[in-house]
C-alpha atoms as a PDB file:
ATOM      1  CA  MET A   1       0.000   0.000   0.000  1.00  0.00           C
ATOM      2  CA  SER A   2       1.077   3.568  -0.695  1.00  0.00           C
ATOM      3  CA  ASP A   3       1.274   6.300   1.944  1.00  0.00           C
ATOM      4  CA  THR A   4       0.653   8.892  -0.777  1.00  0.00           C
ATOM      5  CA  THR A   5      -2.177  11.386  -0.279  1.00  0.00           C
ATOM      6  CA  ALA A   6      -4.281  13.398  -2.722  1.00  0.00           C
ATOM      7  CA  LEU A   7      -6.805  16.185  -2.350  1.00  0.00           C
ATOM      8  CA  PHE A   8      -9.657  16.362  -4.884  1.00  0.00           C
ATOM      9  CA  VAL A   9     -11.255  19.808  -5.315  1.00  0.00           C
ATOM     10  CA  VAL A  10     -14.697  19.098  -6.778  1.00  0.00           C
ATOM     11  CA  SER A  11     -17.458  21.381  -8.044  1.00  0.00           C
ATOM     12  CA  GLU A  12     -20.773  21.844  -6.279  1.00  0.00           C
ATOM     13  CA  GLU A  13     -22.179  23.276  -9.500  1.00  0.00           C
ATOM     14  CA  GLY A  14     -21.683  20.117 -11.583  1.00  0.00           C
ATOM     15  CA  TYR A  15     -18.608  17.932 -12.020  1.00  0.00           C
ATOM     16  CA  TRP A  16     -18.145  15.679 -15.055  1.00  0.00           C
ATOM     17  CA  ALA A  17     -18.513  12.110 -13.807  1.00  0.00           C
ATOM     18  CA  GLU A  18     -15.701  10.454 -15.735  1.00  0.00           C
ATOM     19  CA  GLU A  19     -13.245  13.253 -14.968  1.00  0.00           C
ATOM     20  CA  CYS A  20     -13.704  12.858 -11.229  1.00  0.00           C
ATOM     21  CA  ILE A  21     -14.540   9.195 -10.728  1.00  0.00           C
ATOM     22  CA  GLU A  22     -11.886   7.656 -12.978  1.00  0.00           C
ATOM     23  CA  PRO A  23      -9.018   9.465 -11.197  1.00  0.00           C
ATOM     24  CA  LEU A  24     -10.704   8.909  -7.825  1.00  0.00           C
ATOM     25  CA  THR A  25     -10.999   5.158  -8.299  1.00  0.00           C
ATOM     26  CA  THR A  26      -7.651   4.781 -10.081  1.00  0.00           C
ATOM     27  CA  LEU A  27      -5.762   6.540  -7.304  1.00  0.00           C
ATOM     28  CA  GLY A  28      -7.765   4.713  -4.652  1.00  0.00           C
ATOM     29  CA  ALA A  29      -7.005   1.323  -6.198  1.00  0.00           C
ATOM     30  CA  ALA A  30      -3.300   2.209  -6.139  1.00  0.00           C
ATOM     31  CA  GLY A  31      -3.510   2.845  -2.404  1.00  0.00           C
ATOM     32  CA  VAL A  32      -3.557   6.637  -2.509  1.00  0.00           C
ATOM     33  CA  ASP A  33      -5.445   8.165   0.431  1.00  0.00           C
ATOM     34  CA  VAL A  34      -7.947  10.589  -1.140  1.00  0.00           C
ATOM     35  CA  THR A  35      -9.702  13.499   0.543  1.00  0.00           C
ATOM     36  CA  VAL A  36     -12.472  15.403  -1.260  1.00  0.00           C
ATOM     37  CA  ALA A  37     -13.110  19.112  -0.769  1.00  0.00           C
ATOM     38  CA  THR A  38     -15.723  21.441  -2.250  1.00  0.00           C
ATOM     39  CA  PRO A  39     -16.019  25.232  -2.072  1.00  0.00           C
ATOM     40  CA  SER A  40     -18.513  25.268   0.822  1.00  0.00           C
ATOM     41  CA  GLY A  41     -18.149  21.725   2.130  1.00  0.00           C
ATOM     42  CA  ALA A  42     -21.494  20.648   0.650  1.00  0.00           C
ATOM     43  CA  PRO A  43     -21.563  17.406  -1.357  1.00  0.00           C
ATOM     44  CA  PRO A  44     -20.564  17.925  -4.989  1.00  0.00           C
ATOM     45  CA  VAL A  45     -23.181  17.766  -7.720  1.00  0.00           C
ATOM     46  CA  VAL A  46     -22.685  15.571 -10.775  1.00  0.00           C
ATOM     47  CA  ASP A  47     -23.552  17.005 -14.182  1.00  0.00           C
ATOM     48  CA  GLU A  48     -26.359  14.785 -15.464  1.00  0.00           C
ATOM     49  CA  ARG A  49     -25.115  15.321 -19.020  1.00  0.00           C
ATOM     50  CA  SER A  50     -22.068  13.259 -18.051  1.00  0.00           C
ATOM     51  CA  LEU A  51     -24.254  10.248 -17.226  1.00  0.00           C
ATOM     52  CA  ASP A  52     -25.641   9.580 -20.698  1.00  0.00           C
ATOM     53  CA  PRO A  53     -25.890   5.831 -21.383  1.00  0.00           C
ATOM     54  CA  ASP A  54     -25.730   6.528 -25.114  1.00  0.00           C
ATOM     55  CA  ASP A  55     -22.205   7.863 -24.596  1.00  0.00           C
ATOM     56  CA  LEU A  56     -20.943   5.621 -21.817  1.00  0.00           C
ATOM     57  CA  GLY A  57     -23.153   2.528 -21.783  1.00  0.00           C
ATOM     58  CA  GLU A  58     -25.626   1.552 -19.089  1.00  0.00           C
ATOM     59  CA  GLU A  59     -23.104  -0.364 -16.991  1.00  0.00           C
ATOM     60  CA  THR A  60     -20.654   2.524 -16.728  1.00  0.00           C
ATOM     61  CA  VAL A  61     -23.415   5.004 -15.938  1.00  0.00           C
ATOM     62  CA  GLU A  62     -24.710   2.768 -13.168  1.00  0.00           C
ATOM     63  CA  ARG A  63     -21.207   2.447 -11.709  1.00  0.00           C
ATOM     64  CA  TYR A  64     -20.567   6.199 -11.820  1.00  0.00           C
ATOM     65  CA  ARG A  65     -23.942   6.988 -10.278  1.00  0.00           C
ATOM     66  CA  GLU A  66     -23.465   4.459  -7.489  1.00  0.00           C
ATOM     67  CA  ILE A  67     -20.048   5.897  -6.628  1.00  0.00           C
ATOM     68  CA  HIS A  68     -21.449   9.428  -6.706  1.00  0.00           C
ATOM     69  CA  GLU A  69     -24.279   8.482  -4.370  1.00  0.00           C
ATOM     70  CA  THR A  70     -22.427   6.189  -1.946  1.00  0.00           C
ATOM     71  CA  ASP A  71     -18.726   7.114  -1.790  1.00  0.00           C
ATOM     72  CA  ASP A  72     -18.161   8.592   1.669  1.00  0.00           C
ATOM     73  CA  ARG A  73     -15.492  10.942   0.373  1.00  0.00           C
ATOM     74  CA  LEU A  74     -17.914  12.512  -2.107  1.00  0.00           C
ATOM     75  CA  ARG A  75     -20.848  12.494   0.300  1.00  0.00           C
ATOM     76  CA  ASP A  76     -19.005  14.164   3.177  1.00  0.00           C
ATOM     77  CA  PRO A  77     -16.378  16.509   1.736  1.00  0.00           C
ATOM     78  CA  GLU A  78     -14.279  19.098   3.513  1.00  0.00           C
ATOM     79  CA  PRO A  79     -14.657  22.833   2.847  1.00  0.00           C
ATOM     80  CA  ILE A  80     -11.758  24.019   0.695  1.00  0.00           C
ATOM     81  CA  ALA A  81     -10.911  26.701   3.254  1.00  0.00           C
ATOM     82  CA  ALA A  82     -10.433  24.035   5.936  1.00  0.00           C
ATOM     83  CA  VAL A  83      -7.727  22.018   4.168  1.00  0.00           C
ATOM     84  CA  GLU A  84      -4.044  22.725   3.510  1.00  0.00           C
ATOM     85  CA  ALA A  85      -2.746  21.740   0.096  1.00  0.00           C
ATOM     86  CA  ALA A  86       0.744  21.404   1.559  1.00  0.00           C
ATOM     87  CA  ASP A  87      -0.479  18.399   3.563  1.00  0.00           C
ATOM     88  CA  TYR A  88      -1.050  16.409   0.343  1.00  0.00           C
ATOM     89  CA  ASP A  89       1.254  14.936  -2.253  1.00  0.00           C
ATOM     90  CA  ALA A  90      -1.147  15.823  -5.072  1.00  0.00           C
ATOM     91  CA  VAL A  91      -4.110  18.096  -5.651  1.00  0.00           C
ATOM     92  CA  VAL A  92      -6.626  17.104  -8.345  1.00  0.00           C
ATOM     93  CA  PHE A  93      -9.133  19.428 -10.003  1.00  0.00           C
ATOM     94  CA  PRO A  94     -11.750  17.396 -11.945  1.00  0.00           C
ATOM     95  CA  GLY A  95     -13.548  19.250 -14.712  1.00  0.00           C
ATOM     96  CA  GLY A  96     -17.105  19.920 -15.773  1.00  0.00           C
ATOM     97  CA  HIS A  97     -18.793  23.188 -16.699  1.00  0.00           C
ATOM     98  CA  GLY A  98     -19.650  23.622 -13.019  1.00  0.00           C
ATOM     99  CA  THR A  99     -16.045  24.530 -12.232  1.00  0.00           C
ATOM    100  CA  VAL A 100     -16.425  27.688 -14.298  1.00  0.00           C
ATOM    101  CA  TRP A 101     -18.898  29.013 -11.731  1.00  0.00           C
ATOM    102  CA  ASP A 102     -17.335  27.880  -8.469  1.00  0.00           C
ATOM    103  CA  VAL A 103     -13.952  26.124  -8.180  1.00  0.00           C
ATOM    104  CA  ASN A 104     -12.110  28.264 -10.738  1.00  0.00           C
ATOM    105  CA  GLN A 105     -13.365  31.414  -9.023  1.00  0.00           C
ATOM    106  CA  ASP A 106     -12.612  30.264  -5.476  1.00  0.00           C
ATOM    107  CA  ARG A 107      -9.645  31.952  -3.826  1.00  0.00           C
ATOM    108  CA  HIS A 108      -8.930  28.948  -1.626  1.00  0.00           C
ATOM    109  CA  ALA A 109      -8.939  26.633  -4.648  1.00  0.00           C
ATOM    110  CA  ARG A 110      -6.504  28.942  -6.426  1.00  0.00           C
ATOM    111  CA  SER A 111      -4.354  29.037  -3.308  1.00  0.00           C
ATOM    112  CA  ALA A 112      -4.316  25.228  -3.177  1.00  0.00           C
ATOM    113  CA  LEU A 113      -3.128  25.114  -6.787  1.00  0.00           C
ATOM    114  CA  ARG A 114      -0.500  27.784  -6.193  1.00  0.00           C
ATOM    115  CA  GLU A 115       0.855  26.074  -3.076  1.00  0.00           C
ATOM    116  CA  THR A 116       1.051  22.730  -4.864  1.00  0.00           C
ATOM    117  CA  VAL A 117       2.811  23.983  -7.980  1.00  0.00           C
ATOM    118  CA  ALA A 118       5.100  26.304  -6.016  1.00  0.00           C
ATOM    119  CA  GLY A 119       6.095  23.614  -3.530  1.00  0.00           C
ATOM    120  CA  ASP A 120       9.037  21.269  -3.874  1.00  0.00           C
ATOM    121  CA  ASP A 121       7.109  18.006  -3.663  1.00  0.00           C
ATOM    122  CA  GLY A 122       3.501  18.492  -4.786  1.00  0.00           C
ATOM    123  CA  VAL A 123       1.940  17.656  -8.140  1.00  0.00           C
ATOM    124  CA  ALA A 124      -1.302  19.130  -9.492  1.00  0.00           C
ATOM    125  CA  LEU A 125      -3.659  17.478 -11.983  1.00  0.00           C
ATOM    126  CA  VAL A 126      -6.160  19.820 -13.641  1.00  0.00           C
ATOM    127  CA  VAL A 127      -8.770  18.406 -16.016  1.00  0.00           C
ATOM    128  CA  CYS A 128     -10.962  19.889 -18.767  1.00  0.00           C
ATOM    129  CA  HIS A 129     -12.936  22.998 -17.693  1.00  0.00           C
ATOM    130  CA  ALA A 130     -11.063  23.121 -14.398  1.00  0.00           C
ATOM    131  CA  VAL A 131      -8.031  24.153 -16.477  1.00  0.00           C
ATOM    132  CA  GLY A 132      -9.768  27.546 -16.529  1.00  0.00           C
ATOM    133  CA  ILE A 133      -8.443  28.115 -13.001  1.00  0.00           C
ATOM    134  CA  LEU A 134      -5.046  28.640 -14.643  1.00  0.00           C
ATOM    135  CA  GLY A 135      -6.407  31.811 -16.214  1.00  0.00           C
ATOM    136  CA  PHE A 136      -6.823  33.323 -12.744  1.00  0.00           C
ATOM    137  CA  ALA A 137      -4.307  31.681 -10.391  1.00  0.00           C
ATOM    138  CA  ARG A 138      -1.195  33.716  -9.714  1.00  0.00           C
ATOM    139  CA  THR A 139       2.134  33.096  -8.064  1.00  0.00           C
ATOM    140  CA  ASP A 140       3.136  34.864  -4.838  1.00  0.00           C
ATOM    141  CA  ASP A 141       4.774  37.641  -6.847  1.00  0.00           C
ATOM    142  CA  GLY A 142       1.594  38.307  -8.826  1.00  0.00           C
ATOM    143  CA  ALA A 143       2.519  36.635 -12.118  1.00  0.00           C
ATOM    144  CA  PHE A 144       0.118  34.219 -13.761  1.00  0.00           C
ATOM    145  CA  LEU A 145       0.992  30.699 -12.644  1.00  0.00           C
ATOM    146  CA  VAL A 146       0.447  29.330 -16.161  1.00  0.00           C
ATOM    147  CA  ASN A 147       2.624  31.906 -17.910  1.00  0.00           C
ATOM    148  CA  GLY A 148       5.086  30.068 -20.182  1.00  0.00           C
ATOM    149  CA  ARG A 149       3.799  26.604 -19.248  1.00  0.00           C
ATOM    150  CA  ASN A 150       2.591  23.967 -21.693  1.00  0.00           C
ATOM    151  CA  VAL A 151      -0.973  22.913 -20.964  1.00  0.00           C
ATOM    152  CA  THR A 152      -3.984  21.211 -22.506  1.00  0.00           C
ATOM    153  CA  GLY A 153      -7.645  21.635 -21.597  1.00  0.00           C
ATOM    154  CA  PHE A 154     -11.158  22.075 -22.933  1.00  0.00           C
ATOM    155  CA  PRO A 155     -10.752  23.784 -26.324  1.00  0.00           C
ATOM    156  CA  ASN A 156     -12.765  26.591 -27.870  1.00  0.00           C
ATOM    157  CA  GLU A 157     -13.567  24.347 -30.832  1.00  0.00           C
ATOM    158  CA  TRP A 158     -15.531  22.039 -28.548  1.00  0.00           C
ATOM    159  CA  GLU A 159     -17.190  24.857 -26.612  1.00  0.00           C
ATOM    160  CA  GLU A 160     -18.577  26.256 -29.847  1.00  0.00           C
ATOM    161  CA  GLY A 161     -20.640  23.098 -30.257  1.00  0.00           C
ATOM    162  CA  ILE A 162     -22.124  23.332 -26.766  1.00  0.00           C
ATOM    163  CA  VAL A 163     -23.105  26.931 -26.001  1.00  0.00           C
ATOM    164  CA  ASP A 164     -25.719  28.885 -27.928  1.00  0.00           C
ATOM    165  CA  ASP A 165     -25.173  32.200 -29.726  1.00  0.00           C
ATOM    166  CA  LEU A 166     -25.370  34.049 -26.400  1.00  0.00           C
ATOM    167  CA  ASP A 167     -22.828  31.792 -24.683  1.00  0.00           C
ATOM    168  CA  ARG A 168     -25.502  30.019 -22.671  1.00  0.00           C
ATOM    169  CA  ILE A 169     -25.509  26.366 -21.719  1.00  0.00           C
ATOM    170  CA  GLU A 170     -28.918  25.063 -20.704  1.00  0.00           C
ATOM    171  CA  GLY A 171     -29.970  28.676 -20.216  1.00  0.00           C
ATOM    172  CA  ARG A 172     -27.036  29.643 -18.011  1.00  0.00           C
ATOM    173  CA  LYS A 173     -24.463  32.171 -19.234  1.00  0.00           C
ATOM    174  CA  LEU A 174     -20.933  30.829 -19.514  1.00  0.00           C
ATOM    175  CA  PRO A 175     -18.752  33.671 -18.166  1.00  0.00           C
ATOM    176  CA  TYR A 176     -15.576  32.707 -20.017  1.00  0.00           C
ATOM    177  CA  TRP A 177     -14.037  30.054 -22.238  1.00  0.00           C
ATOM    178  CA  VAL A 178     -11.160  28.032 -20.850  1.00  0.00           C
ATOM    179  CA  GLU A 179      -8.787  28.289 -23.789  1.00  0.00           C
ATOM    180  CA  ASP A 180      -9.220  32.064 -24.065  1.00  0.00           C
ATOM    181  CA  GLU A 181      -8.383  32.687 -20.406  1.00  0.00           C
ATOM    182  CA  VAL A 182      -5.391  30.348 -20.316  1.00  0.00           C
ATOM    183  CA  VAL A 183      -3.902  31.857 -23.471  1.00  0.00           C
ATOM    184  CA  ALA A 184      -4.500  35.400 -22.156  1.00  0.00           C
ATOM    185  CA  ALA A 185      -2.599  34.435 -18.991  1.00  0.00           C
ATOM    186  CA  GLY A 186       0.405  33.360 -21.059  1.00  0.00           C
ATOM    187  CA  GLY A 187      -0.141  29.603 -21.216  1.00  0.00           C
ATOM    188  CA  ASN A 188       1.010  27.570 -24.213  1.00  0.00           C
ATOM    189  CA  PHE A 189      -2.328  25.892 -24.902  1.00  0.00           C
ATOM    190  CA  ASP A 190      -2.483  22.847 -27.164  1.00  0.00           C
ATOM    191  CA  ALA A 191      -5.536  20.590 -26.934  1.00  0.00           C
ATOM    192  CA  ASP A 192      -4.000  18.204 -29.499  1.00  0.00           C
ATOM    193  CA  LEU A 193      -7.314  17.707 -31.277  1.00  0.00           C
ATOM    194  CA  ASP A 194      -5.862  15.156 -33.688  1.00  0.00           C
ATOM    195  CA  SER A 195      -5.335  12.680 -30.835  1.00  0.00           C
ATOM    196  CA  ASP A 196      -7.910  10.580 -28.996  1.00  0.00           C
ATOM    197  CA  THR A 197      -6.499  11.734 -25.669  1.00  0.00           C
ATOM    198  CA  SER A 198      -4.479  14.732 -24.553  1.00  0.00           C
ATOM    199  CA  VAL A 199      -2.443  14.879 -21.339  1.00  0.00           C
ATOM    200  CA  THR A 200       0.390  17.374 -20.858  1.00  0.00           C
ATOM    201  CA  VAL A 201       3.059  17.356 -18.175  1.00  0.00           C
ATOM    202  CA  ASP A 202       4.995  20.553 -17.473  1.00  0.00           C
ATOM    203  CA  GLY A 203       7.044  20.108 -14.319  1.00  0.00           C
ATOM    204  CA  ASP A 204       4.689  19.634 -11.380  1.00  0.00           C
ATOM    205  CA  LEU A 205       1.598  20.586 -13.409  1.00  0.00           C
ATOM    206  CA  VAL A 206      -0.362  17.886 -15.252  1.00  0.00           C
ATOM    207  CA  THR A 207      -3.317  18.926 -17.412  1.00  0.00           C
ATOM    208  CA  ALA A 208      -5.861  16.848 -19.326  1.00  0.00           C
ATOM    209  CA  ARG A 209      -8.178  17.852 -22.172  1.00  0.00           C
ATOM    210  CA  GLY A 210     -11.476  16.178 -21.312  1.00  0.00           C
ATOM    211  CA  PRO A 211     -13.383  13.044 -20.294  1.00  0.00           C
ATOM    212  CA  GLU A 212     -11.643  10.602 -22.617  1.00  0.00           C
ATOM    213  CA  SER A 213      -8.278  11.673 -21.197  1.00  0.00           C
ATOM    214  CA  SER A 214      -9.268  11.069 -17.561  1.00  0.00           C
ATOM    215  CA  SER A 215      -7.857   7.562 -17.163  1.00  0.00           C
ATOM    216  CA  GLU A 216      -4.583   8.454 -18.871  1.00  0.00           C
ATOM    217  CA  ALA A 217      -4.358  11.555 -16.688  1.00  0.00           C
ATOM    218  CA  ALA A 218      -4.802   9.498 -13.526  1.00  0.00           C
ATOM    219  CA  GLU A 219      -2.126   7.030 -14.624  1.00  0.00           C
ATOM    220  CA  THR A 220       0.193   9.916 -15.509  1.00  0.00           C
ATOM    221  CA  LEU A 221      -0.344  11.425 -12.071  1.00  0.00           C
ATOM    222  CA  LEU A 222       0.504   8.118 -10.406  1.00  0.00           C
ATOM    223  CA  SER A 223       3.681   7.955 -12.469  1.00  0.00           C
ATOM    224  CA  GLU A 224       4.635  11.489 -11.436  1.00  0.00           C
ATOM    225  CA  LEU A 225       4.045  10.494  -7.799  1.00  0.00           C
ATOM    226  CA  GLY A 226       6.102   7.340  -8.163  1.00  0.00           C
ATOM    227  CA  VAL A 227       3.128   5.133  -7.301  1.00  0.00           C
ATOM    228  CA  ALA A 228       2.506   1.906  -9.201  1.00  0.00           C
ATOM    229  CA  ALA A 229      -0.889   1.682 -10.887  1.00  0.00           C
ATOM    230  CA  THR A 230      -3.062  -1.359 -10.214  1.00  0.00           C
ATOM    231  CA  ALA A 231      -3.300  -3.631 -13.244  1.00  0.00           C
END
């Protein structure tokens, strides 16, 4: 068993099931001790669009839903303000449009990312829409944390097929697009749209494009932590 620890910062506005549960179960199976935190400490909400049996199959949807409803870590999270990122070997930010409205805008979430990337030992994994936090997180000297770093994330090309002409998704206004904010903050953004998956490692920052990259991202994180994945 590993004595490695990881903190998951999960949206209360709607996390994408695969992007949270695949890393959660992959790390757990490898013996990583996982703690879940949300902005207020309330249980995270799963985006129902991420539980479509036409996309995932009935069996996978049932498994994701059962984990969402019964996993004690997801059902009884910590408030982000009550945890210290420095106490964990890794901090994971699962994606989903919900992160645009809460996690990415949360000062304690940004602090957790900054402390992890600035520290000597920590590794951060940021997935899909959660990559938008890189457009706002700054280092202690005020520079954008992502400036000059290579990252992947949810691309504008995909967002165009989701929001309407007024940038609304299911009637709710999307305040910003991930790629735009990351590029504006100086990040070298490449979603690698010609590949089935896209995971980028730049030092102690690991980023992943979207749902289909979640498993690879989790395995990459384990490798960065020096933890053997379970076959």
